[in-house]
Full PDB file with SEQRES, HELIX, SHEET, SSBOND, CRYST1, ORIGX, SCALE, CONECT and MASTER records, all heavy atoms in Angstrom:
SEQRES   1 A   33  LYS ILE LEU VAL GLU GLU LYS LYS LEU SER TYR LYS ASN          
SEQRES   2 A   33  GLU ARG PHE TYR ASN GLN ASP TYR LEU LEU SER ASP GLU          
SEQRES   3 A   33  ILE VAL LEU PHE LEU VAL GLU                                  
HELIX    1 AA1 ILE A    2  GLU A    5  1                                   4    
HELIX    2 AA2 TYR A   21  LEU A   23  5                                   3    
HELIX    3 AA3 SER A   24  LEU A   31  1                                   8    
SHEET    1 AA1 2 LEU A   9  LYS A  12  0                                        
SHEET    2 AA1 2 ARG A  15  ASN A  18 -1                                        
CRYST1    1.000    1.000    1.000  90.00  90.00  90.00 P 1           1          
ORIGX1      1.000000  0.000000  0.000000        0.00000                         
ORIGX2      0.000000  1.000000  0.000000        0.00000                         
ORIGX3      0.000000  0.000000  1.000000        0.00000                         
SCALE1      1.000000  0.000000  0.000000        0.00000                         
SCALE2      0.000000  1.000000  0.000000        0.00000                         
SCALE3      0.000000  0.000000  1.000000        0.00000                         
ATOM      1  N   LYS A   1      45.916 -53.535   9.257  1.00  0.00           N  
ATOM      2  CA  LYS A   1      45.013 -52.330   8.712  1.00  0.00           C  
ATOM      3  C   LYS A   1      45.766 -51.120   8.561  1.00  0.00           C  
ATOM      4  O   LYS A   1      45.610 -50.287   7.654  1.00  0.00           O  
ATOM      5  CB  LYS A   1      43.890 -52.089   9.824  1.00  0.00           C  
ATOM      6  CG  LYS A   1      42.873 -53.154   9.710  1.00  0.00           C  
ATOM      7  CD  LYS A   1      41.805 -52.985  10.803  1.00  0.00           C  
ATOM      8  CE  LYS A   1      40.746 -54.079  10.729  1.00  0.00           C  
ATOM      9  NZ  LYS A   1      39.742 -54.007  11.872  1.00  0.00           N  
ATOM     10  N   ILE A   2      46.972 -51.038   9.291  1.00  0.00           N  
ATOM     11  CA  ILE A   2      47.892 -49.892   9.220  1.00  0.00           C  
ATOM     12  C   ILE A   2      48.589 -49.950   7.846  1.00  0.00           C  
ATOM     13  O   ILE A   2      48.693 -48.992   7.077  1.00  0.00           O  
ATOM     14  CB  ILE A   2      49.033 -49.904  10.301  1.00  0.00           C  
ATOM     15  CG1 ILE A   2      48.470 -49.525  11.585  1.00  0.00           C  
ATOM     16  CG2 ILE A   2      50.124 -48.917   9.974  1.00  0.00           C  
ATOM     17  CD1 ILE A   2      49.403 -49.747  12.831  1.00  0.00           C  
ATOM     18  N   LEU A   3      48.952 -51.192   7.437  1.00  0.00           N  
ATOM     19  CA  LEU A   3      49.560 -51.461   6.042  1.00  0.00           C  
ATOM     20  C   LEU A   3      48.622 -51.125   4.897  1.00  0.00           C  
ATOM     21  O   LEU A   3      48.975 -50.765   3.890  1.00  0.00           O  
ATOM     22  CB  LEU A   3      50.186 -52.834   5.996  1.00  0.00           C  
ATOM     23  CG  LEU A   3      51.378 -53.155   6.979  1.00  0.00           C  
ATOM     24  CD1 LEU A   3      51.670 -54.582   6.792  1.00  0.00           C  
ATOM     25  CD2 LEU A   3      52.561 -52.236   6.704  1.00  0.00           C  
ATOM     26  N   VAL A   4      47.367 -51.391   5.229  1.00  0.00           N  
ATOM     27  CA  VAL A   4      46.327 -51.056   4.174  1.00  0.00           C  
ATOM     28  C   VAL A   4      46.218 -49.623   3.965  1.00  0.00           C  
ATOM     29  O   VAL A   4      46.250 -49.134   2.809  1.00  0.00           O  
ATOM     30  CB  VAL A   4      44.925 -51.679   4.605  1.00  0.00           C  
ATOM     31  CG1 VAL A   4      43.819 -51.095   3.611  1.00  0.00           C  
ATOM     32  CG2 VAL A   4      44.958 -53.191   4.462  1.00  0.00           C  
ATOM     33  N   GLU A   5      46.249 -48.863   5.070  1.00  0.00           N  
ATOM     34  CA  GLU A   5      46.235 -47.470   5.044  1.00  0.00           C  
ATOM     35  C   GLU A   5      47.384 -46.849   4.359  1.00  0.00           C  
ATOM     36  O   GLU A   5      47.360 -45.833   3.579  1.00  0.00           O  
ATOM     37  CB  GLU A   5      46.153 -46.802   6.476  1.00  0.00           C  
ATOM     38  CG  GLU A   5      44.787 -47.069   7.184  1.00  0.00           C  
ATOM     39  CD  GLU A   5      44.835 -46.610   8.603  1.00  0.00           C  
ATOM     40  OE1 GLU A   5      45.874 -46.004   9.006  1.00  0.00           O  
ATOM     41  OE2 GLU A   5      43.839 -46.869   9.260  1.00  0.00           O  
ATOM     42  N   GLU A   6      48.540 -47.458   4.442  1.00  0.00           N  
ATOM     43  CA  GLU A   6      49.732 -47.100   3.871  1.00  0.00           C  
ATOM     44  C   GLU A   6      49.941 -47.655   2.456  1.00  0.00           C  
ATOM     45  O   GLU A   6      50.988 -47.447   1.715  1.00  0.00           O  
ATOM     46  CB  GLU A   6      51.011 -47.568   4.666  1.00  0.00           C  
ATOM     47  CG  GLU A   6      51.093 -46.815   6.024  1.00  0.00           C  
ATOM     48  CD  GLU A   6      52.285 -47.423   6.785  1.00  0.00           C  
ATOM     49  OE1 GLU A   6      52.951 -48.349   6.380  1.00  0.00           O  
ATOM     50  OE2 GLU A   6      52.559 -46.829   7.861  1.00  0.00           O  
ATOM     51  N   LYS A   7      48.846 -48.404   1.956  1.00  0.00           N  
ATOM     52  CA  LYS A   7      48.817 -48.922   0.661  1.00  0.00           C  
ATOM     53  C   LYS A   7      49.837 -49.952   0.347  1.00  0.00           C  
ATOM     54  O   LYS A   7      50.249 -50.235  -0.786  1.00  0.00           O  
ATOM     55  CB  LYS A   7      48.844 -47.804  -0.431  1.00  0.00           C  
ATOM     56  CG  LYS A   7      47.761 -46.813  -0.354  1.00  0.00           C  
ATOM     57  CD  LYS A   7      47.498 -45.953  -1.545  1.00  0.00           C  
ATOM     58  CE  LYS A   7      46.473 -44.943  -1.334  1.00  0.00           C  
ATOM     59  NZ  LYS A   7      45.242 -45.336  -0.827  1.00  0.00           N  
ATOM     60  N   LYS A   8      50.390 -50.567   1.291  1.00  0.00           N  
ATOM     61  CA  LYS A   8      51.303 -51.680   1.160  1.00  0.00           C  
ATOM     62  C   LYS A   8      50.550 -53.047   1.008  1.00  0.00           C  
ATOM     63  O   LYS A   8      51.057 -53.956   0.486  1.00  0.00           O  
ATOM     64  CB  LYS A   8      52.307 -51.780   2.336  1.00  0.00           C  
ATOM     65  CG  LYS A   8      53.330 -50.595   2.189  1.00  0.00           C  
ATOM     66  CD  LYS A   8      54.398 -50.735   3.373  1.00  0.00           C  
ATOM     67  CE  LYS A   8      55.482 -49.678   3.107  1.00  0.00           C  
ATOM     68  NZ  LYS A   8      55.061 -48.320   3.251  1.00  0.00           N  
ATOM     69  N   LEU A   9      49.422 -53.060   1.626  1.00  0.00           N  
ATOM     70  CA  LEU A   9      48.474 -54.253   1.610  1.00  0.00           C  
ATOM     71  C   LEU A   9      47.136 -53.752   0.974  1.00  0.00           C  
ATOM     72  O   LEU A   9      46.722 -52.555   1.137  1.00  0.00           O  
ATOM     73  CB  LEU A   9      48.241 -54.819   2.900  1.00  0.00           C  
ATOM     74  CG  LEU A   9      49.324 -55.503   3.670  1.00  0.00           C  
ATOM     75  CD1 LEU A   9      48.900 -56.143   4.938  1.00  0.00           C  
ATOM     76  CD2 LEU A   9      50.119 -56.523   2.811  1.00  0.00           C  
ATOM     77  N   SER A  10      46.388 -54.655   0.328  1.00  0.00           N  
ATOM     78  CA  SER A  10      45.057 -54.329  -0.033  1.00  0.00           C  
ATOM     79  C   SER A  10      44.147 -55.372   0.671  1.00  0.00           C  
ATOM     80  O   SER A  10      44.674 -56.379   1.315  1.00  0.00           O  
ATOM     81  CB  SER A  10      44.766 -54.498  -1.444  1.00  0.00           C  
ATOM     82  OG  SER A  10      45.024 -55.825  -1.819  1.00  0.00           O  
ATOM     83  N   TYR A  11      42.866 -55.034   0.884  1.00  0.00           N  
ATOM     84  CA  TYR A  11      41.915 -55.901   1.652  1.00  0.00           C  
ATOM     85  C   TYR A  11      40.694 -56.192   0.742  1.00  0.00           C  
ATOM     86  O   TYR A  11      40.040 -55.211   0.243  1.00  0.00           O  
ATOM     87  CB  TYR A  11      41.530 -55.166   2.930  1.00  0.00           C  
ATOM     88  CG  TYR A  11      40.681 -56.057   3.793  1.00  0.00           C  
ATOM     89  CD1 TYR A  11      41.120 -57.104   4.398  1.00  0.00           C  
ATOM     90  CD2 TYR A  11      39.325 -55.760   3.990  1.00  0.00           C  
ATOM     91  CE1 TYR A  11      40.301 -58.018   5.286  1.00  0.00           C  
ATOM     92  CE2 TYR A  11      38.471 -56.531   4.760  1.00  0.00           C  
ATOM     93  CZ  TYR A  11      38.891 -57.616   5.521  1.00  0.00           C  
ATOM     94  OH  TYR A  11      38.130 -58.374   6.194  1.00  0.00           O  
ATOM     95  N   LYS A  12      40.387 -57.438   0.552  1.00  0.00           N  
ATOM     96  CA  LYS A  12      39.275 -57.819  -0.324  1.00  0.00           C  
ATOM     97  C   LYS A  12      38.714 -59.161   0.088  1.00  0.00           C  
ATOM     98  O   LYS A  12      39.538 -60.077   0.339  1.00  0.00           O  
ATOM     99  CB  LYS A  12      39.652 -57.893  -1.776  1.00  0.00           C  
ATOM    100  CG  LYS A  12      38.517 -58.134  -2.692  1.00  0.00           C  
ATOM    101  CD  LYS A  12      38.981 -58.099  -4.103  1.00  0.00           C  
ATOM    102  CE  LYS A  12      37.889 -58.288  -5.153  1.00  0.00           C  
ATOM    103  NZ  LYS A  12      38.284 -58.347  -6.547  1.00  0.00           N  
ATOM    104  N   ASN A  13      37.410 -59.261   0.218  1.00  0.00           N  
ATOM    105  CA  ASN A  13      36.872 -60.586   0.620  1.00  0.00           C  
ATOM    106  C   ASN A  13      37.461 -61.241   1.824  1.00  0.00           C  
ATOM    107  O   ASN A  13      37.739 -62.362   1.843  1.00  0.00           O  
ATOM    108  CB  ASN A  13      36.846 -61.549  -0.623  1.00  0.00           C  
ATOM    109  CG  ASN A  13      36.141 -61.088  -1.762  1.00  0.00           C  
ATOM    110  OD1 ASN A  13      35.098 -60.365  -1.619  1.00  0.00           O  
ATOM    111  ND2 ASN A  13      36.525 -61.405  -2.897  1.00  0.00           N  
ATOM    112  N   GLU A  14      37.678 -60.466   2.844  1.00  0.00           N  
ATOM    113  CA  GLU A  14      38.274 -60.842   4.163  1.00  0.00           C  
ATOM    114  C   GLU A  14      39.668 -61.388   4.043  1.00  0.00           C  
ATOM    115  O   GLU A  14      40.032 -62.305   4.848  1.00  0.00           O  
ATOM    116  CB  GLU A  14      37.256 -61.755   4.770  1.00  0.00           C  
ATOM    117  CG  GLU A  14      35.895 -61.140   5.077  1.00  0.00           C  
ATOM    118  CD  GLU A  14      34.891 -62.026   5.755  1.00  0.00           C  
ATOM    119  OE1 GLU A  14      35.272 -63.237   5.884  1.00  0.00           O  
ATOM    120  OE2 GLU A  14      33.805 -61.551   6.179  1.00  0.00           O  
ATOM    121  N   ARG A  15      40.441 -60.966   3.034  1.00  0.00           N  
ATOM    122  CA  ARG A  15      41.706 -61.337   2.881  1.00  0.00           C  
ATOM    123  C   ARG A  15      42.640 -60.138   2.723  1.00  0.00           C  
ATOM    124  O   ARG A  15      42.282 -59.167   2.016  1.00  0.00           O  
ATOM    125  CB  ARG A  15      41.970 -62.341   1.794  1.00  0.00           C  
ATOM    126  CG  ARG A  15      41.297 -63.740   1.917  1.00  0.00           C  
ATOM    127  CD  ARG A  15      41.681 -64.662   0.775  1.00  0.00           C  
ATOM    128  NE  ARG A  15      42.814 -65.302   0.969  1.00  0.00           N  
ATOM    129  CZ  ARG A  15      42.880 -66.584   1.531  1.00  0.00           C  
ATOM    130  NH1 ARG A  15      41.898 -67.102   1.932  1.00  0.00           N  
ATOM    131  NH2 ARG A  15      44.154 -67.159   1.708  1.00  0.00           N  
ATOM    132  N   PHE A  16      43.880 -60.297   3.143  1.00  0.00           N  
ATOM    133  CA  PHE A  16      44.876 -59.196   2.877  1.00  0.00           C  
ATOM    134  C   PHE A  16      45.941 -59.688   1.739  1.00  0.00           C  
ATOM    135  O   PHE A  16      46.286 -60.775   1.757  1.00  0.00           O  
ATOM    136  CB  PHE A  16      45.662 -58.857   4.168  1.00  0.00           C  
ATOM    137  CG  PHE A  16      44.861 -58.242   5.236  1.00  0.00           C  
ATOM    138  CD1 PHE A  16      44.294 -59.038   6.345  1.00  0.00           C  
ATOM    139  CD2 PHE A  16      44.644 -56.925   5.220  1.00  0.00           C  
ATOM    140  CE1 PHE A  16      43.556 -58.377   7.310  1.00  0.00           C  
ATOM    141  CE2 PHE A  16      43.908 -56.264   6.305  1.00  0.00           C  
ATOM    142  CZ  PHE A  16      43.291 -57.059   7.367  1.00  0.00           C  
ATOM    143  N   TYR A  17      46.107 -58.768   0.912  1.00  0.00           N  
ATOM    144  CA  TYR A  17      46.998 -59.066  -0.216  1.00  0.00           C  
ATOM    145  C   TYR A  17      48.074 -58.166  -0.301  1.00  0.00           C  
ATOM    146  O   TYR A  17      48.020 -56.937  -0.122  1.00  0.00           O  
ATOM    147  CB  TYR A  17      46.179 -59.052  -1.559  1.00  0.00           C  
ATOM    148  CG  TYR A  17      45.056 -60.019  -1.660  1.00  0.00           C  
ATOM    149  CD1 TYR A  17      43.891 -59.659  -1.199  1.00  0.00           C  
ATOM    150  CD2 TYR A  17      45.284 -61.290  -2.050  1.00  0.00           C  
ATOM    151  CE1 TYR A  17      42.686 -60.584  -1.356  1.00  0.00           C  
ATOM    152  CE2 TYR A  17      44.354 -62.278  -2.227  1.00  0.00           C  
ATOM    153  CZ  TYR A  17      43.081 -61.835  -1.747  1.00  0.00           C  
ATOM    154  OH  TYR A  17      41.998 -62.779  -1.794  1.00  0.00           O  
ATOM    155  N   ASN A  18      49.303 -58.684  -0.495  1.00  0.00           N  
ATOM    156  CA  ASN A  18      50.494 -57.759  -0.568  1.00  0.00           C  
ATOM    157  C   ASN A  18      50.509 -57.061  -1.914  1.00  0.00           C  
ATOM    158  O   ASN A  18      50.312 -57.679  -3.023  1.00  0.00           O  
ATOM    159  CB  ASN A  18      51.734 -58.744  -0.425  1.00  0.00           C  
ATOM    160  CG  ASN A  18      53.065 -57.971  -0.317  1.00  0.00           C  
ATOM    161  OD1 ASN A  18      53.109 -56.803  -0.311  1.00  0.00           O  
ATOM    162  ND2 ASN A  18      54.113 -58.692  -0.211  1.00  0.00           N  
ATOM    163  N   GLN A  19      50.988 -55.877  -1.894  1.00  0.00           N  
ATOM    164  CA  GLN A  19      51.083 -55.042  -3.136  1.00  0.00           C  
ATOM    165  C   GLN A  19      52.442 -55.008  -3.700  1.00  0.00           C  
ATOM    166  O   GLN A  19      52.663 -54.424  -4.827  1.00  0.00           O  
ATOM    167  CB  GLN A  19      50.501 -53.561  -2.841  1.00  0.00           C  
ATOM    168  CG  GLN A  19      49.131 -53.566  -2.295  1.00  0.00           C  
ATOM    169  CD  GLN A  19      48.139 -54.123  -3.356  1.00  0.00           C  
ATOM    170  OE1 GLN A  19      47.910 -53.508  -4.470  1.00  0.00           O  
ATOM    171  NE2 GLN A  19      47.629 -55.346  -3.096  1.00  0.00           N  
ATOM    172  N   ASP A  20      53.442 -55.415  -2.948  1.00  0.00           N  
ATOM    173  CA  ASP A  20      54.915 -55.397  -3.419  1.00  0.00           C  
ATOM    174  C   ASP A  20      55.576 -56.600  -2.760  1.00  0.00           C  
ATOM    175  O   ASP A  20      56.002 -56.555  -1.654  1.00  0.00           O  
ATOM    176  CB  ASP A  20      55.455 -54.062  -2.942  1.00  0.00           C  
ATOM    177  CG  ASP A  20      56.914 -53.933  -3.503  1.00  0.00           C  
ATOM    178  OD1 ASP A  20      57.413 -54.873  -4.096  1.00  0.00           O  
ATOM    179  OD2 ASP A  20      57.572 -52.858  -3.320  1.00  0.00           O  
ATOM    180  N   TYR A  21      55.694 -57.636  -3.622  1.00  0.00           N  
ATOM    181  CA  TYR A  21      56.213 -58.880  -3.098  1.00  0.00           C  
ATOM    182  C   TYR A  21      57.756 -58.713  -2.679  1.00  0.00           C  
ATOM    183  O   TYR A  21      58.215 -59.539  -1.837  1.00  0.00           O  
ATOM    184  CB  TYR A  21      56.225 -59.987  -4.217  1.00  0.00           C  
ATOM    185  CG  TYR A  21      54.808 -60.318  -4.586  1.00  0.00           C  
ATOM    186  CD1 TYR A  21      54.550 -60.589  -5.917  1.00  0.00           C  
ATOM    187  CD2 TYR A  21      53.885 -60.543  -3.613  1.00  0.00           C  
ATOM    188  CE1 TYR A  21      53.229 -60.951  -6.309  1.00  0.00           C  
ATOM    189  CE2 TYR A  21      52.544 -60.950  -3.918  1.00  0.00           C  
ATOM    190  CZ  TYR A  21      52.279 -61.119  -5.350  1.00  0.00           C  
ATOM    191  OH  TYR A  21      51.087 -61.591  -5.655  1.00  0.00           O  
ATOM    192  N   LEU A  22      58.434 -57.655  -3.098  1.00  0.00           N  
ATOM    193  CA  LEU A  22      59.821 -57.419  -2.679  1.00  0.00           C  
ATOM    194  C   LEU A  22      59.887 -57.064  -1.224  1.00  0.00           C  
ATOM    195  O   LEU A  22      60.876 -57.096  -0.560  1.00  0.00           O  
ATOM    196  CB  LEU A  22      60.411 -56.327  -3.590  1.00  0.00           C  
ATOM    197  CG  LEU A  22      60.788 -56.775  -5.001  1.00  0.00           C  
ATOM    198  CD1 LEU A  22      61.312 -55.659  -5.804  1.00  0.00           C  
ATOM    199  CD2 LEU A  22      61.990 -57.868  -4.972  1.00  0.00           C  
ATOM    200  N   LEU A  23      58.784 -56.634  -0.663  1.00  0.00           N  
ATOM    201  CA  LEU A  23      58.594 -56.191   0.689  1.00  0.00           C  
ATOM    202  C   LEU A  23      58.081 -57.277   1.509  1.00  0.00           C  
ATOM    203  O   LEU A  23      57.688 -57.083   2.709  1.00  0.00           O  
ATOM    204  CB  LEU A  23      57.756 -54.919   0.898  1.00  0.00           C  
ATOM    205  CG  LEU A  23      58.254 -53.666   0.196  1.00  0.00           C  
ATOM    206  CD1 LEU A  23      57.282 -52.523   0.308  1.00  0.00           C  
ATOM    207  CD2 LEU A  23      59.644 -53.256   0.849  1.00  0.00           C  
ATOM    208  N   SER A  24      57.875 -58.519   1.020  1.00  0.00           N  
ATOM    209  CA  SER A  24      57.062 -59.499   1.821  1.00  0.00           C  
ATOM    210  C   SER A  24      57.716 -59.862   3.172  1.00  0.00           C  
ATOM    211  O   SER A  24      57.044 -60.029   4.109  1.00  0.00           O  
ATOM    212  CB  SER A  24      57.002 -60.785   0.835  1.00  0.00           C  
ATOM    213  OG  SER A  24      58.247 -61.207   0.453  1.00  0.00           O  
ATOM    214  N   ASP A  25      59.141 -60.009   3.116  1.00  0.00           N  
ATOM    215  CA  ASP A  25      59.696 -60.357   4.380  1.00  0.00           C  
ATOM    216  C   ASP A  25      59.524 -59.298   5.398  1.00  0.00           C  
ATOM    217  O   ASP A  25      59.235 -59.626   6.600  1.00  0.00           O  
ATOM    218  CB  ASP A  25      61.279 -60.602   4.151  1.00  0.00           C  
ATOM    219  CG  ASP A  25      61.547 -61.874   3.371  1.00  0.00           C  
ATOM    220  OD1 ASP A  25      60.613 -62.638   3.198  1.00  0.00           O  
ATOM    221  OD2 ASP A  25      62.725 -62.078   3.098  1.00  0.00           O  
ATOM    222  N   GLU A  26      59.781 -57.997   5.040  1.00  0.00           N  
ATOM    223  CA  GLU A  26      59.487 -56.922   5.947  1.00  0.00           C  
ATOM    224  C   GLU A  26      58.055 -56.863   6.444  1.00  0.00           C  
ATOM    225  O   GLU A  26      57.924 -56.630   7.643  1.00  0.00           O  
ATOM    226  CB  GLU A  26      59.900 -55.615   5.285  1.00  0.00           C  
ATOM    227  CG  GLU A  26      61.391 -55.426   5.087  1.00  0.00           C  
ATOM    228  CD  GLU A  26      61.966 -56.180   3.718  1.00  0.00           C  
ATOM    229  OE1 GLU A  26      61.014 -56.773   3.161  1.00  0.00           O  
ATOM    230  OE2 GLU A  26      62.962 -55.918   3.426  1.00  0.00           O  
ATOM    231  N   ILE A  27      57.117 -57.119   5.609  1.00  0.00           N  
ATOM    232  CA  ILE A  27      55.693 -57.058   5.878  1.00  0.00           C  
ATOM    233  C   ILE A  27      55.399 -58.131   6.992  1.00  0.00           C  
ATOM    234  O   ILE A  27      54.733 -57.847   7.954  1.00  0.00           O  
ATOM    235  CB  ILE A  27      54.768 -57.155   4.739  1.00  0.00           C  
ATOM    236  CG1 ILE A  27      54.867 -55.857   3.905  1.00  0.00           C  
ATOM    237  CG2 ILE A  27      53.337 -57.441   5.117  1.00  0.00           C  
ATOM    238  CD1 ILE A  27      54.257 -55.841   2.579  1.00  0.00           C  
ATOM    239  N   VAL A  28      55.997 -59.374   6.728  1.00  0.00           N  
ATOM    240  CA  VAL A  28      55.690 -60.461   7.686  1.00  0.00           C  
ATOM    241  C   VAL A  28      56.300 -60.160   9.065  1.00  0.00           C  
ATOM    242  O   VAL A  28      55.611 -60.370  10.078  1.00  0.00           O  
ATOM    243  CB  VAL A  28      56.289 -61.837   7.174  1.00  0.00           C  
ATOM    244  CG1 VAL A  28      56.187 -62.874   8.177  1.00  0.00           C  
ATOM    245  CG2 VAL A  28      55.472 -62.230   5.893  1.00  0.00           C  
ATOM    246  N   LEU A  29      57.460 -59.631   9.027  1.00  0.00           N  
ATOM    247  CA  LEU A  29      58.119 -59.294  10.327  1.00  0.00           C  
ATOM    248  C   LEU A  29      57.322 -58.225  11.059  1.00  0.00           C  
ATOM    249  O   LEU A  29      57.279 -58.232  12.347  1.00  0.00           O  
ATOM    250  CB  LEU A  29      59.598 -58.871  10.117  1.00  0.00           C  
ATOM    251  CG  LEU A  29      60.548 -59.876   9.639  1.00  0.00           C  
ATOM    252  CD1 LEU A  29      61.896 -59.369   9.252  1.00  0.00           C  
ATOM    253  CD2 LEU A  29      60.731 -60.905  10.844  1.00  0.00           C  
ATOM    254  N   PHE A  30      56.763 -57.280  10.370  1.00  0.00           N  
ATOM    255  CA  PHE A  30      55.927 -56.318  10.959  1.00  0.00           C  
ATOM    256  C   PHE A  30      54.589 -56.809  11.475  1.00  0.00           C  
ATOM    257  O   PHE A  30      54.196 -56.449  12.660  1.00  0.00           O  
ATOM    258  CB  PHE A  30      55.647 -55.096   9.979  1.00  0.00           C  
ATOM    259  CG  PHE A  30      54.763 -54.006  10.538  1.00  0.00           C  
ATOM    260  CD1 PHE A  30      55.294 -53.108  11.442  1.00  0.00           C  
ATOM    261  CD2 PHE A  30      53.383 -53.919  10.139  1.00  0.00           C  
ATOM    262  CE1 PHE A  30      54.449 -52.103  11.980  1.00  0.00           C  
ATOM    263  CE2 PHE A  30      52.628 -52.918  10.636  1.00  0.00           C  
ATOM    264  CZ  PHE A  30      53.094 -51.985  11.544  1.00  0.00           C  
ATOM    265  N   LEU A  31      54.028 -57.724  10.801  1.00  0.00           N  
ATOM    266  CA  LEU A  31      52.768 -58.256  11.031  1.00  0.00           C  
ATOM    267  C   LEU A  31      52.684 -59.151  12.274  1.00  0.00           C  
ATOM    268  O   LEU A  31      51.928 -59.146  13.228  1.00  0.00           O  
ATOM    269  CB  LEU A  31      52.105 -58.969   9.955  1.00  0.00           C  
ATOM    270  CG  LEU A  31      51.407 -58.312   8.880  1.00  0.00           C  
ATOM    271  CD1 LEU A  31      50.884 -59.227   7.820  1.00  0.00           C  
ATOM    272  CD2 LEU A  31      50.232 -57.464   9.421  1.00  0.00           C  
ATOM    273  N   VAL A  32      53.620 -60.196  12.203  1.00  0.00           N  
ATOM    274  CA  VAL A  32      53.570 -61.313  13.159  1.00  0.00           C  
ATOM    275  C   VAL A  32      54.054 -61.033  14.480  1.00  0.00           C  
ATOM    276  O   VAL A  32      55.178 -60.445  14.695  1.00  0.00           O  
ATOM    277  CB  VAL A  32      54.360 -62.512  12.554  1.00  0.00           C  
ATOM    278  CG1 VAL A  32      54.322 -63.733  13.439  1.00  0.00           C  
ATOM    279  CG2 VAL A  32      53.814 -62.936  11.155  1.00  0.00           C  
ATOM    280  N   GLU A  33      53.261 -61.379  15.461  1.00  0.00           N  
ATOM    281  CA  GLU A  33      53.647 -61.129  16.882  1.00  0.00           C  
ATOM    282  C   GLU A  33      54.483 -62.355  17.322  1.00  0.00           C  
ATOM    283  O   GLU A  33      53.997 -63.430  17.413  1.00  0.00           O  
ATOM    284  CB  GLU A  33      52.430 -61.080  17.737  1.00  0.00           C  
ATOM    285  CG  GLU A  33      52.723 -60.674  19.120  1.00  0.00           C  
ATOM    286  CD  GLU A  33      51.417 -60.542  20.021  1.00  0.00           C  
ATOM    287  OE1 GLU A  33      50.325 -60.853  19.471  1.00  0.00           O  
ATOM    288  OE2 GLU A  33      51.527 -60.174  21.126  1.00  0.00           O  
TER     289      GLU A  33                                                      
MASTER        0    0    0    3    2    0    0    6  288    1    0    3          
END                                                                             
């Protein structure tokens, strides 16, 4: 939800979508516990 607020992810139909695939690794590392 933080990444949605920062417009790095979008949220639709109960799914999160990446807005910049070049940041995919960084986003996963931030997300996953």
